[in-house]
Amino acid sequence: MALNMSRWLRPDKDMALRLPVASRTGAAVLGGYALAHTLPLAVTAAMGMPAAEAVLAAIQLSFVVYAGAVLWAFAARSVLIAWFGLLLPATLAGLVAWGLG
């Protein structure tokens, strides 16, 4: 029985559906993590809270931000909007947290 390699080398029709889902999953995981990490830091740095309260507020806010980021990654019109919609606010929040911290 010969192994038919041509089937494995040509892209199938489902690849056009799989790549956007994989990219949105990557945006949800990586972009969501970046946003859930930087946005609570920026918010707590801007509020000027005591350290213990800032840590608790940041942890609680990060869960909400990450859930919203995952929803955004799959609700956006296109993959590009999903990536930019997560990485742009994460970058801006990181810059704010770095500037205030």
C-alpha atoms as a PDB file:
ATOM      1  CA  MET A   1       0.000   0.000   0.000  1.00  0.00           C
ATOM      2  CA  ALA A   2       1.557   3.273  -1.106  1.00  0.00           C
ATOM      3  CA  LEU A   3       1.322   6.422   0.933  1.00  0.00           C
ATOM      4  CA  ASN A   4      -0.380   9.213  -0.973  1.00  0.00           C
ATOM      5  CA  MET A   5       1.649  12.322  -0.027  1.00  0.00           C
ATOM      6  CA  SER A   6      -0.131  14.628  -2.462  1.00  0.00           C
ATOM      7  CA  ARG A   7      -3.161  14.690  -0.186  1.00  0.00           C
ATOM      8  CA  TRP A   8      -1.035  15.966   2.712  1.00  0.00           C
ATOM      9  CA  LEU A   9       0.865  18.546   0.689  1.00  0.00           C
ATOM     10  CA  ARG A  10      -2.019  20.419  -0.886  1.00  0.00           C
ATOM     11  CA  PRO A  11      -4.103  22.774   1.213  1.00  0.00           C
ATOM     12  CA  ASP A  12      -7.628  21.593   1.736  1.00  0.00           C
ATOM     13  CA  LYS A  13     -10.798  23.612   1.671  1.00  0.00           C
ATOM     14  CA  ASP A  14     -11.118  23.591   5.439  1.00  0.00           C
ATOM     15  CA  MET A  15      -7.818  25.437   5.883  1.00  0.00           C
ATOM     16  CA  ALA A  16      -9.536  28.712   4.967  1.00  0.00           C
ATOM     17  CA  LEU A  17     -11.836  28.162   7.941  1.00  0.00           C
ATOM     18  CA  ARG A  18      -9.207  26.847  10.348  1.00  0.00           C
ATOM     19  CA  LEU A  19      -6.646  29.633  10.083  1.00  0.00           C
ATOM     20  CA  PRO A  20      -8.931  32.482  11.207  1.00  0.00           C
ATOM     21  CA  VAL A  21     -10.145  30.439  14.159  1.00  0.00           C
ATOM     22  CA  ALA A  22      -6.569  29.623  15.127  1.00  0.00           C
ATOM     23  CA  SER A  23      -5.601  33.285  14.807  1.00  0.00           C
ATOM     24  CA  ARG A  24      -8.551  34.400  16.931  1.00  0.00           C
ATOM     25  CA  THR A  25      -7.626  31.796  19.516  1.00  0.00           C
ATOM     26  CA  GLY A  26      -4.088  33.159  19.559  1.00  0.00           C
ATOM     27  CA  ALA A  27      -5.443  36.693  19.890  1.00  0.00           C
ATOM     28  CA  ALA A  28      -7.680  35.626  22.760  1.00  0.00           C
ATOM     29  CA  VAL A  29      -4.866  33.857  24.613  1.00  0.00           C
ATOM     30  CA  LEU A  30      -1.909  36.162  23.939  1.00  0.00           C
ATOM     31  CA  GLY A  31      -3.652  39.487  23.450  1.00  0.00           C
ATOM     32  CA  GLY A  32      -6.051  38.767  26.291  1.00  0.00           C
ATOM     33  CA  TYR A  33      -3.167  37.973  28.608  1.00  0.00           C
ATOM     34  CA  ALA A  34      -1.329  41.148  27.615  1.00  0.00           C
ATOM     35  CA  LEU A  35      -4.425  43.265  28.175  1.00  0.00           C
ATOM     36  CA  ALA A  36      -5.376  41.511  31.420  1.00  0.00           C
ATOM     37  CA  HIS A  37      -1.851  42.092  32.699  1.00  0.00           C
ATOM     38  CA  THR A  38      -1.346  45.733  31.747  1.00  0.00           C
ATOM     39  CA  LEU A  39      -4.781  47.332  32.116  1.00  0.00           C
ATOM     40  CA  PRO A  40      -5.227  46.570  35.848  1.00  0.00           C
ATOM     41  CA  LEU A  41      -1.691  47.817  36.491  1.00  0.00           C
ATOM     42  CA  ALA A  42      -2.443  51.084  34.722  1.00  0.00           C
ATOM     43  CA  VAL A  43      -5.779  51.539  36.505  1.00  0.00           C
ATOM     44  CA  THR A  44      -4.377  50.869  39.965  1.00  0.00           C
ATOM     45  CA  ALA A  45      -1.337  53.058  39.279  1.00  0.00           C
ATOM     46  CA  ALA A  46      -3.611  55.901  38.171  1.00  0.00           C
ATOM     47  CA  MET A  47      -5.825  55.564  41.258  1.00  0.00           C
ATOM     48  CA  GLY A  48      -2.919  55.815  43.699  1.00  0.00           C
ATOM     49  CA  MET A  49      -4.182  53.098  46.036  1.00  0.00           C
ATOM     50  CA  PRO A  50      -2.197  51.524  48.888  1.00  0.00           C
ATOM     51  CA  ALA A  51      -0.175  48.487  47.789  1.00  0.00           C
ATOM     52  CA  ALA A  52      -2.343  45.761  49.334  1.00  0.00           C
ATOM     53  CA  GLU A  53      -5.579  47.196  47.977  1.00  0.00           C
ATOM     54  CA  ALA A  54      -3.993  47.799  44.574  1.00  0.00           C
ATOM     55  CA  VAL A  55      -2.928  44.153  44.308  1.00  0.00           C
ATOM     56  CA  LEU A  56      -6.400  42.890  45.187  1.00  0.00           C
ATOM     57  CA  ALA A  57      -8.089  45.326  42.814  1.00  0.00           C
ATOM     58  CA  ALA A  58      -5.706  44.435  39.985  1.00  0.00           C
ATOM     59  CA  ILE A  59      -6.280  40.704  40.420  1.00  0.00           C
ATOM     60  CA  GLN A  60     -10.048  41.079  40.457  1.00  0.00           C
ATOM     61  CA  LEU A  61     -10.036  43.420  37.482  1.00  0.00           C
ATOM     62  CA  SER A  62      -7.768  41.129  35.480  1.00  0.00           C
ATOM     63  CA  PHE A  63     -10.349  38.322  35.501  1.00  0.00           C
ATOM     64  CA  VAL A  64     -13.017  40.613  34.085  1.00  0.00           C
ATOM     65  CA  VAL A  65     -10.635  42.084  31.489  1.00  0.00           C
ATOM     66  CA  TYR A  66      -9.471  38.648  30.329  1.00  0.00           C
ATOM     67  CA  ALA A  67     -13.028  37.373  29.938  1.00  0.00           C
ATOM     68  CA  GLY A  68     -13.933  40.470  27.944  1.00  0.00           C
ATOM     69  CA  ALA A  69     -10.820  40.092  25.800  1.00  0.00           C
ATOM     70  CA  VAL A  70     -11.705  36.514  24.897  1.00  0.00           C
ATOM     71  CA  LEU A  71     -15.219  37.582  23.965  1.00  0.00           C
ATOM     72  CA  TRP A  72     -13.831  40.457  21.888  1.00  0.00           C
ATOM     73  CA  ALA A  73     -11.413  38.204  20.008  1.00  0.00           C
ATOM     74  CA  PHE A  74     -14.260  36.082  18.689  1.00  0.00           C
ATOM     75  CA  ALA A  75     -16.846  38.855  18.287  1.00  0.00           C
ATOM     76  CA  ALA A  76     -14.718  41.204  16.179  1.00  0.00           C
ATOM     77  CA  ARG A  77     -15.558  41.486  12.476  1.00  0.00           C
ATOM     78  CA  SER A  78     -12.156  40.383  11.266  1.00  0.00           C
ATOM     79  CA  VAL A  79      -9.025  38.767  12.614  1.00  0.00           C
ATOM     80  CA  LEU A  80      -7.042  41.964  12.116  1.00  0.00           C
ATOM     81  CA  ILE A  81      -9.530  43.991  14.144  1.00  0.00           C
ATOM     82  CA  ALA A  82      -9.429  41.344  16.856  1.00  0.00           C
ATOM     83  CA  TRP A  83      -5.629  41.561  17.123  1.00  0.00           C
ATOM     84  CA  PHE A  84      -5.468  45.354  16.986  1.00  0.00           C
ATOM     85  CA  GLY A  85      -8.407  45.668  19.368  1.00  0.00           C
ATOM     86  CA  LEU A  86      -6.451  43.750  21.994  1.00  0.00           C
ATOM     87  CA  LEU A  87      -2.841  44.754  21.390  1.00  0.00           C
ATOM     88  CA  LEU A  88      -3.370  48.493  20.975  1.00  0.00           C
ATOM     89  CA  PRO A  89      -5.102  48.982  24.364  1.00  0.00           C
ATOM     90  CA  ALA A  90      -2.580  46.626  25.973  1.00  0.00           C
ATOM     91  CA  THR A  91       0.289  48.704  24.618  1.00  0.00           C
ATOM     92  CA  LEU A  92      -1.298  51.969  25.713  1.00  0.00           C
ATOM     93  CA  ALA A  93      -2.086  50.598  29.177  1.00  0.00           C
ATOM     94  CA  GLY A  94       1.474  49.317  29.464  1.00  0.00           C
ATOM     95  CA  LEU A  95       2.835  52.732  28.610  1.00  0.00           C
ATOM     96  CA  VAL A  96       0.533  54.378  31.167  1.00  0.00           C
ATOM     97  CA  ALA A  97       1.502  51.863  33.856  1.00  0.00           C
ATOM     98  CA  TRP A  98       5.186  52.328  33.040  1.00  0.00           C
ATOM     99  CA  GLY A  99       4.870  56.108  33.113  1.00  0.00           C
ATOM    100  CA  LEU A 100       2.964  56.204  36.394  1.00  0.00           C
ATOM    101  CA  GLY A 101       4.805  53.373  38.114  1.00  0.00           C
END
